[in-house]
Amino acid sequence: MEYEIVNLDEKILVGASANTSNSSPDMSNVIGGLWGKFYQGGIHDKIKNTVNEFAIGLYSDYTEDKNGYCITVGNEVSSLDENNKNLDVKIIPAGKYAKFSICGNMVTAVVDAWQQIWQMDLDRSFTGDFEEYKNADVENAEIDIYVALK
C-alpha cells in the first residue's frame, strides 16, 4: 500500500469521543455509534469555527499494548468557542505522518486500509492517527488516513 510522508501542523479537533480496542467485540458498534451521534445526533451542527467540512476520525490515547484507544469523531476548528464547551476537544499533534489516500466505500475501504496499515512496518509514534473524510459520498468517498510517525 503506497503512502507519502508529510509534516502537519497541530490541529484542534472538536466532537464526541469513546474508548474501545481492536479486540473488543463491540468495536464496530462503538465507532459506528459515534459517527451516528456526530451526524444524526446533531453534534456536527453544534461545532463552530470549523476550518473545513472534512469530518475526522481520530485515534488517540493508545493503551500501553497499543490495542486500546480513544476514538473521537469531529471537525477541525480554528479556535475554541463557547458553543464547543460541552463537546470533547482533542489535539492532533504537529509532526511527521504517513499519508494514505484511498477511495471507495466509507466503511469497507477504511477497514481494508487499516488492516493493511496494521501489518506494515511503520515507525509509529501512536500519538494520534486519523482519517479525514474529504466528501460525504458513502460509495465513492475520498479519504486520507494519517499515521503518526516517530
Protein backbone atom coordinates (compact mmCIF):
# COMPACT_ATOMS: atom_id res chain seq x y z
CA MET A 1 0.00 0.00 0.00
CA GLU A 2 1.51 3.30 -1.08
CA TYR A 3 1.84 6.39 1.09
CA GLU A 4 3.69 9.68 1.27
CA ILE A 5 5.47 11.26 4.24
CA VAL A 6 4.01 14.65 5.22
CA ASN A 7 4.60 17.13 8.04
CA LEU A 8 1.47 18.54 9.61
CA ASP A 9 0.80 21.47 11.91
CA GLU A 10 -1.14 20.91 15.11
CA LYS A 11 -4.91 20.62 14.67
CA ILE A 12 -7.70 21.22 17.20
CA LEU A 13 -10.49 18.66 16.90
CA VAL A 14 -13.94 19.11 18.45
CA GLY A 15 -16.51 16.32 18.55
CA ALA A 16 -17.57 13.24 20.51
CA SER A 17 -15.31 10.52 21.98
CA ALA A 18 -15.45 6.95 23.23
CA ASN A 19 -12.93 4.32 24.27
CA THR A 20 -12.59 0.94 22.56
CA SER A 21 -9.99 -1.57 21.42
CA ASN A 22 -9.18 -3.60 18.33
CA SER A 23 -10.02 -6.80 20.22
CA SER A 24 -13.35 -5.57 21.57
CA PRO A 25 -16.34 -7.44 20.10
CA ASP A 26 -18.33 -4.19 20.02
CA MET A 27 -15.58 -2.02 18.44
CA SER A 28 -17.58 -1.56 15.21
CA ASN A 29 -20.70 -0.57 17.16
CA VAL A 30 -18.76 1.93 19.28
CA ILE A 31 -17.16 3.59 16.26
CA GLY A 32 -20.33 3.44 14.15
CA GLY A 33 -22.34 4.81 17.07
CA LEU A 34 -20.02 7.81 17.34
CA TRP A 35 -20.44 8.60 13.64
CA GLY A 36 -24.23 8.35 14.08
CA LYS A 37 -24.10 10.63 17.12
CA PHE A 38 -21.93 13.07 15.15
CA TYR A 39 -24.31 13.39 12.19
CA GLN A 40 -27.78 12.26 13.29
CA GLY A 41 -27.28 13.35 16.91
CA GLY A 42 -26.59 16.93 15.88
CA ILE A 43 -23.02 17.26 17.13
CA HIS A 44 -21.78 18.25 13.67
CA ASP A 45 -24.24 21.18 13.63
CA LYS A 46 -23.08 22.44 17.05
CA ILE A 47 -19.40 22.77 16.15
CA LYS A 48 -18.38 26.37 15.44
CA ASN A 49 -15.25 27.84 13.83
CA THR A 50 -14.70 24.83 11.58
CA VAL A 51 -11.69 25.01 9.26
CA ASN A 52 -13.49 23.00 6.55
CA GLU A 53 -16.30 20.47 6.16
CA PHE A 54 -13.99 17.44 6.39
CA ALA A 55 -15.09 15.01 9.10
CA ILE A 56 -12.23 13.49 11.10
CA GLY A 57 -11.98 10.22 12.99
CA LEU A 58 -9.05 10.46 15.45
CA TYR A 59 -7.46 7.53 17.28
CA SER A 60 -5.53 8.77 20.34
CA ASP A 61 -4.62 7.94 23.93
CA TYR A 62 -3.43 4.47 22.96
CA THR A 63 -3.05 1.93 25.77
CA GLU A 64 0.39 0.56 26.54
CA ASP A 65 -0.20 -2.51 24.37
CA LYS A 66 -1.47 -0.26 21.51
CA ASN A 67 -4.69 -2.32 21.32
CA GLY A 68 -6.97 0.14 23.13
CA TYR A 69 -7.54 3.78 22.25
CA CYS A 70 -9.88 6.74 22.36
CA ILE A 71 -11.81 7.41 19.14
CA THR A 72 -13.00 10.97 18.54
CA VAL A 73 -15.28 11.92 15.64
CA GLY A 74 -15.41 15.61 14.85
CA ASN A 75 -14.25 18.60 12.85
CA GLU A 76 -11.06 20.63 12.90
CA VAL A 77 -11.65 24.12 14.32
CA SER A 78 -9.61 27.31 14.08
CA SER A 79 -10.34 28.20 17.70
CA LEU A 80 -12.47 27.04 20.61
CA ASP A 81 -15.81 28.73 21.12
CA GLU A 82 -18.43 28.81 23.90
CA ASN A 83 -20.62 26.60 21.69
CA ASN A 84 -17.90 23.93 21.73
CA LYS A 85 -17.58 23.80 25.54
CA ASN A 86 -19.82 20.73 26.02
CA LEU A 87 -18.02 18.75 23.32
CA ASP A 88 -14.80 16.77 23.50
CA VAL A 89 -11.64 18.59 22.46
CA LYS A 90 -8.54 16.75 21.26
CA ILE A 91 -5.25 18.00 19.87
CA ILE A 92 -3.78 16.29 16.83
CA PRO A 93 -0.05 16.83 17.38
CA ALA A 94 2.17 18.52 14.84
CA GLY A 95 4.66 16.12 13.33
CA LYS A 96 5.53 13.59 10.68
CA TYR A 97 2.79 11.35 9.29
CA ALA A 98 2.42 8.62 6.69
CA LYS A 99 -0.46 9.76 4.48
CA PHE A 100 -2.55 7.11 2.71
CA SER A 101 -5.11 8.35 0.16
CA ILE A 102 -7.95 5.94 -0.51
CA CYS A 103 -11.24 5.98 -2.41
CA GLY A 104 -14.26 3.73 -2.11
CA ASN A 105 -16.97 2.77 0.31
CA MET A 106 -16.62 4.80 3.52
CA VAL A 107 -16.73 1.74 5.74
CA THR A 108 -15.15 -1.10 3.79
CA ALA A 109 -12.35 0.94 2.19
CA VAL A 110 -11.28 2.29 5.59
CA VAL A 111 -11.44 -1.12 7.28
CA ASP A 112 -9.40 -2.68 4.46
CA ALA A 113 -6.83 0.12 4.59
CA TRP A 114 -6.40 -0.14 8.37
CA GLN A 115 -5.96 -3.92 8.14
CA GLN A 116 -3.08 -3.34 5.73
CA ILE A 117 -1.61 -0.45 7.75
CA TRP A 118 -1.50 -2.56 10.95
CA GLN A 119 0.54 -5.16 9.03
CA MET A 120 3.08 -2.61 7.76
CA ASP A 121 6.45 -1.98 9.36
CA LEU A 122 5.94 1.73 10.05
CA ASP A 123 7.90 3.52 12.78
CA ARG A 124 4.69 4.62 14.50
CA SER A 125 4.58 7.05 17.41
CA PHE A 126 0.95 6.28 18.43
CA THR A 127 0.43 9.95 19.34
CA GLY A 128 -2.66 10.34 17.16
CA ASP A 129 -3.71 8.70 13.91
CA PHE A 130 -6.68 9.98 11.96
CA GLU A 131 -8.94 9.64 8.96
CA GLU A 132 -10.01 12.77 7.09
CA TYR A 133 -13.19 12.34 5.03
CA LYS A 134 -13.00 14.79 2.13
CA ASN A 135 -16.54 14.20 0.88
CA ALA A 136 -19.76 12.59 2.08
CA ASP A 137 -20.29 10.16 -0.79
CA VAL A 138 -20.73 6.83 1.01
CA GLU A 139 -19.86 4.66 -2.01
CA ASN A 140 -17.16 6.89 -3.54
CA ALA A 141 -15.58 8.54 -0.53
CA GLU A 142 -12.22 10.26 -0.75
CA ILE A 143 -10.36 9.64 2.49
CA ASP A 144 -6.87 10.45 3.69
CA ILE A 145 -5.54 8.35 6.54
CA TYR A 146 -2.68 9.86 8.56
CA VAL A 147 -0.49 7.62 10.73
CA ALA A 148 1.79 9.43 13.20
CA LEU A 149 5.46 8.53 12.83
CA LYS A 150 8.46 8.90 15.15
